[in-house]
Amino acid sequence: MLQRINELEQQRFNFLINKEYDAFAELCDPELRYVHSSGKIDDLDSYLKKLKLGYYNYQDIRFEIDKVIDMGNYVMATGDLYLQLLADNEPLSLQNRAVSIWRKQGDTYKFLMYQGTAF
């Protein structure tokens, strides 16, 4: 399970870094909740809008997963996330303790939730 979630997370990051936002949206659950380390919350539509308008411009993302928990219809990953990005054209370097949740849909997984807390 750890390998599968690592692959999905890397795919998610590659889509964000390469600005493949339609492919990113396909990876997401329609009920996506993205809780930023600032405390701001985006749903799928608001997050995609910010991405497409260039508000978030990701340069590098690395997620060091320390635990994956299979919860039946959901899989939760926890670990440390390191980000380099521009947010509203301001450079940011973030280090977060992170939780991501993926919802199982048949043989696939959809990115359902993220929450990062700065450390």
C-alpha atoms as a PDB file:
ATOM      1  CA  MET A   1       0.000   0.000   0.000  1.00  0.00           C
ATOM      2  CA  LEU A   2       2.861   2.394   0.819  1.00  0.00           C
ATOM      3  CA  GLN A   3       4.280   2.037  -2.695  1.00  0.00           C
ATOM      4  CA  ARG A   4       0.887   2.695  -4.323  1.00  0.00           C
ATOM      5  CA  ILE A   5       0.262   5.833  -2.247  1.00  0.00           C
ATOM      6  CA  ASN A   6       3.807   7.077  -2.906  1.00  0.00           C
ATOM      7  CA  GLU A   7       3.140   6.666  -6.646  1.00  0.00           C
ATOM      8  CA  LEU A   8      -0.171   8.536  -6.426  1.00  0.00           C
ATOM      9  CA  GLU A   9       1.359  11.365  -4.409  1.00  0.00           C
ATOM     10  CA  GLN A  10       4.245  11.684  -6.873  1.00  0.00           C
ATOM     11  CA  GLN A  11       1.778  11.755  -9.752  1.00  0.00           C
ATOM     12  CA  ARG A  12      -0.176  14.500  -7.954  1.00  0.00           C
ATOM     13  CA  PHE A  13       2.974  16.564  -7.460  1.00  0.00           C
ATOM     14  CA  ASN A  14       4.135  16.068 -11.051  1.00  0.00           C
ATOM     15  CA  PHE A  15       0.773  17.335 -12.322  1.00  0.00           C
ATOM     16  CA  LEU A  16       1.031  20.414 -10.096  1.00  0.00           C
ATOM     17  CA  ILE A  17       4.653  21.210 -10.954  1.00  0.00           C
ATOM     18  CA  ASN A  18       4.063  20.694 -14.694  1.00  0.00           C
ATOM     19  CA  LYS A  19       0.803  22.686 -14.603  1.00  0.00           C
ATOM     20  CA  GLU A  20      -1.231  19.733 -15.873  1.00  0.00           C
ATOM     21  CA  TYR A  21      -4.283  20.907 -13.995  1.00  0.00           C
ATOM     22  CA  ASP A  22      -6.882  18.914 -15.928  1.00  0.00           C
ATOM     23  CA  ALA A  23      -4.944  15.715 -15.196  1.00  0.00           C
ATOM     24  CA  PHE A  24      -4.659  16.800 -11.556  1.00  0.00           C
ATOM     25  CA  ALA A  25      -8.440  17.327 -11.426  1.00  0.00           C
ATOM     26  CA  GLU A  26      -8.978  13.795 -12.761  1.00  0.00           C
ATOM     27  CA  LEU A  27      -6.901  12.462  -9.873  1.00  0.00           C
ATOM     28  CA  CYS A  28      -9.095  14.297  -7.351  1.00  0.00           C
ATOM     29  CA  ASP A  29     -12.334  13.342  -5.684  1.00  0.00           C
ATOM     30  CA  PRO A  30     -15.108  15.882  -6.420  1.00  0.00           C
ATOM     31  CA  GLU A  31     -15.406  16.396  -2.631  1.00  0.00           C
ATOM     32  CA  LEU A  32     -11.749  17.472  -2.254  1.00  0.00           C
ATOM     33  CA  ARG A  33     -10.957  19.545   0.839  1.00  0.00           C
ATOM     34  CA  TYR A  34      -7.514  21.174   0.805  1.00  0.00           C
ATOM     35  CA  VAL A  35      -6.553  22.729   4.137  1.00  0.00           C
ATOM     36  CA  HIS A  36      -3.467  24.894   3.691  1.00  0.00           C
ATOM     37  CA  SER A  37      -0.921  25.415   6.469  1.00  0.00           C
ATOM     38  CA  SER A  38      -2.262  28.991   6.684  1.00  0.00           C
ATOM     39  CA  GLY A  39      -5.632  27.567   7.741  1.00  0.00           C
ATOM     40  CA  LYS A  40      -7.331  28.575   4.481  1.00  0.00           C
ATOM     41  CA  ILE A  41      -9.518  25.903   2.916  1.00  0.00           C
ATOM     42  CA  ASP A  42     -10.149  25.183  -0.749  1.00  0.00           C
ATOM     43  CA  ASP A  43     -12.548  22.797  -2.402  1.00  0.00           C
ATOM     44  CA  LEU A  44     -11.721  21.332  -5.804  1.00  0.00           C
ATOM     45  CA  ASP A  45     -13.220  24.224  -7.765  1.00  0.00           C
ATOM     46  CA  SER A  46     -11.564  27.001  -5.767  1.00  0.00           C
ATOM     47  CA  TYR A  47      -8.192  25.224  -5.734  1.00  0.00           C
ATOM     48  CA  LEU A  48      -8.289  24.618  -9.500  1.00  0.00           C
ATOM     49  CA  LYS A  49      -9.240  28.235 -10.091  1.00  0.00           C
ATOM     50  CA  LYS A  50      -6.228  29.433  -8.066  1.00  0.00           C
ATOM     51  CA  LEU A  51      -3.943  27.011  -9.903  1.00  0.00           C
ATOM     52  CA  LYS A  52      -5.154  28.030 -13.352  1.00  0.00           C
ATOM     53  CA  LEU A  53      -4.918  31.743 -12.534  1.00  0.00           C
ATOM     54  CA  GLY A  54      -1.327  31.240 -11.378  1.00  0.00           C
ATOM     55  CA  TYR A  55      -1.946  32.073  -7.726  1.00  0.00           C
ATOM     56  CA  TYR A  56      -0.083  28.876  -6.778  1.00  0.00           C
ATOM     57  CA  ASN A  57       2.996  28.056  -8.831  1.00  0.00           C
ATOM     58  CA  TYR A  58       4.697  24.937  -7.500  1.00  0.00           C
ATOM     59  CA  GLN A  59       8.393  24.417  -8.216  1.00  0.00           C
ATOM     60  CA  ASP A  60       9.292  21.480  -5.984  1.00  0.00           C
ATOM     61  CA  ILE A  61       7.299  19.149  -3.743  1.00  0.00           C
ATOM     62  CA  ARG A  62       8.608  16.258  -1.681  1.00  0.00           C
ATOM     63  CA  PHE A  63       6.464  14.128   0.641  1.00  0.00           C
ATOM     64  CA  GLU A  64       8.336  11.846   3.029  1.00  0.00           C
ATOM     65  CA  ILE A  65       5.560   9.478   4.046  1.00  0.00           C
ATOM     66  CA  ASP A  66       6.118   7.835   7.406  1.00  0.00           C
ATOM     67  CA  LYS A  67       2.833   5.942   7.743  1.00  0.00           C
ATOM     68  CA  VAL A  68       0.016   4.690   5.526  1.00  0.00           C
ATOM     69  CA  ILE A  69      -3.175   3.471   7.152  1.00  0.00           C
ATOM     70  CA  ASP A  70      -5.738   1.455   5.184  1.00  0.00           C
ATOM     71  CA  MET A  71      -9.172   2.365   6.547  1.00  0.00           C
ATOM     72  CA  GLY A  72     -11.355   0.290   4.232  1.00  0.00           C
ATOM     73  CA  ASN A  73     -12.734   2.759   1.676  1.00  0.00           C
ATOM     74  CA  TYR A  74     -10.049   5.327   2.522  1.00  0.00           C
ATOM     75  CA  VAL A  75      -6.276   5.383   2.805  1.00  0.00           C
ATOM     76  CA  MET A  76      -4.509   7.959   4.956  1.00  0.00           C
ATOM     77  CA  ALA A  77      -0.859   8.942   4.571  1.00  0.00           C
ATOM     78  CA  THR A  78       1.082  10.997   7.097  1.00  0.00           C
ATOM     79  CA  GLY A  79       4.558  12.439   6.929  1.00  0.00           C
ATOM     80  CA  ASP A  80       6.625  15.524   6.231  1.00  0.00           C
ATOM     81  CA  LEU A  81       5.956  17.628   3.143  1.00  0.00           C
ATOM     82  CA  TYR A  82       8.510  20.061   1.757  1.00  0.00           C
ATOM     83  CA  LEU A  83       7.364  22.665  -0.788  1.00  0.00           C
ATOM     84  CA  GLN A  84       8.956  25.368  -2.894  1.00  0.00           C
ATOM     85  CA  LEU A  85       6.385  27.573  -4.604  1.00  0.00           C
ATOM     86  CA  LEU A  86       5.215  31.020  -5.489  1.00  0.00           C
ATOM     87  CA  ALA A  87       1.959  32.021  -3.793  1.00  0.00           C
ATOM     88  CA  ASP A  88       0.554  35.208  -5.268  1.00  0.00           C
ATOM     89  CA  ASN A  89       4.021  35.736  -6.810  1.00  0.00           C
ATOM     90  CA  GLU A  90       5.715  35.566  -3.388  1.00  0.00           C
ATOM     91  CA  PRO A  91       8.345  32.814  -2.939  1.00  0.00           C
ATOM     92  CA  LEU A  92       7.576  30.350  -0.173  1.00  0.00           C
ATOM     93  CA  SER A  93       9.543  27.486   1.274  1.00  0.00           C
ATOM     94  CA  LEU A  94       7.293  25.368   3.473  1.00  0.00           C
ATOM     95  CA  GLN A  95       7.849  22.434   5.776  1.00  0.00           C
ATOM     96  CA  ASN A  96       4.615  20.790   6.887  1.00  0.00           C
ATOM     97  CA  ARG A  97       3.516  17.828   8.883  1.00  0.00           C
ATOM     98  CA  ALA A  98       0.965  16.521   6.440  1.00  0.00           C
ATOM     99  CA  VAL A  99      -2.020  14.240   6.183  1.00  0.00           C
ATOM    100  CA  SER A 100      -3.476  13.206   2.861  1.00  0.00           C
ATOM    101  CA  ILE A 101      -6.487  10.978   2.374  1.00  0.00           C
ATOM    102  CA  TRP A 102      -7.336   9.007  -0.726  1.00  0.00           C
ATOM    103  CA  ARG A 103     -10.809   7.525  -1.346  1.00  0.00           C
ATOM    104  CA  LYS A 104     -10.994   4.099  -2.954  1.00  0.00           C
ATOM    105  CA  GLN A 105     -13.247   3.950  -6.006  1.00  0.00           C
ATOM    106  CA  GLY A 106     -13.203   0.433  -7.400  1.00  0.00           C
ATOM    107  CA  ASP A 107      -9.594  -0.287  -8.376  1.00  0.00           C
ATOM    108  CA  THR A 108      -8.584   3.381  -8.323  1.00  0.00           C
ATOM    109  CA  TYR A 109      -7.991   6.041  -5.702  1.00  0.00           C
ATOM    110  CA  LYS A 110      -9.078   9.670  -5.700  1.00  0.00           C
ATOM    111  CA  PHE A 111      -7.347  12.436  -3.756  1.00  0.00           C
ATOM    112  CA  LEU A 112      -9.916  13.505  -1.150  1.00  0.00           C
ATOM    113  CA  MET A 113      -8.208  15.603   1.510  1.00  0.00           C
ATOM    114  CA  TYR A 114      -4.982  17.304   2.477  1.00  0.00           C
ATOM    115  CA  GLN A 115      -4.038  19.161   5.626  1.00  0.00           C
ATOM    116  CA  GLY A 116      -0.638  20.629   6.332  1.00  0.00           C
ATOM    117  CA  THR A 117       0.649  22.086   9.587  1.00  0.00           C
ATOM    118  CA  ALA A 118       3.895  24.058   9.593  1.00  0.00           C
ATOM    119  CA  PHE A 119       6.749  22.780  11.735  1.00  0.00           C
END
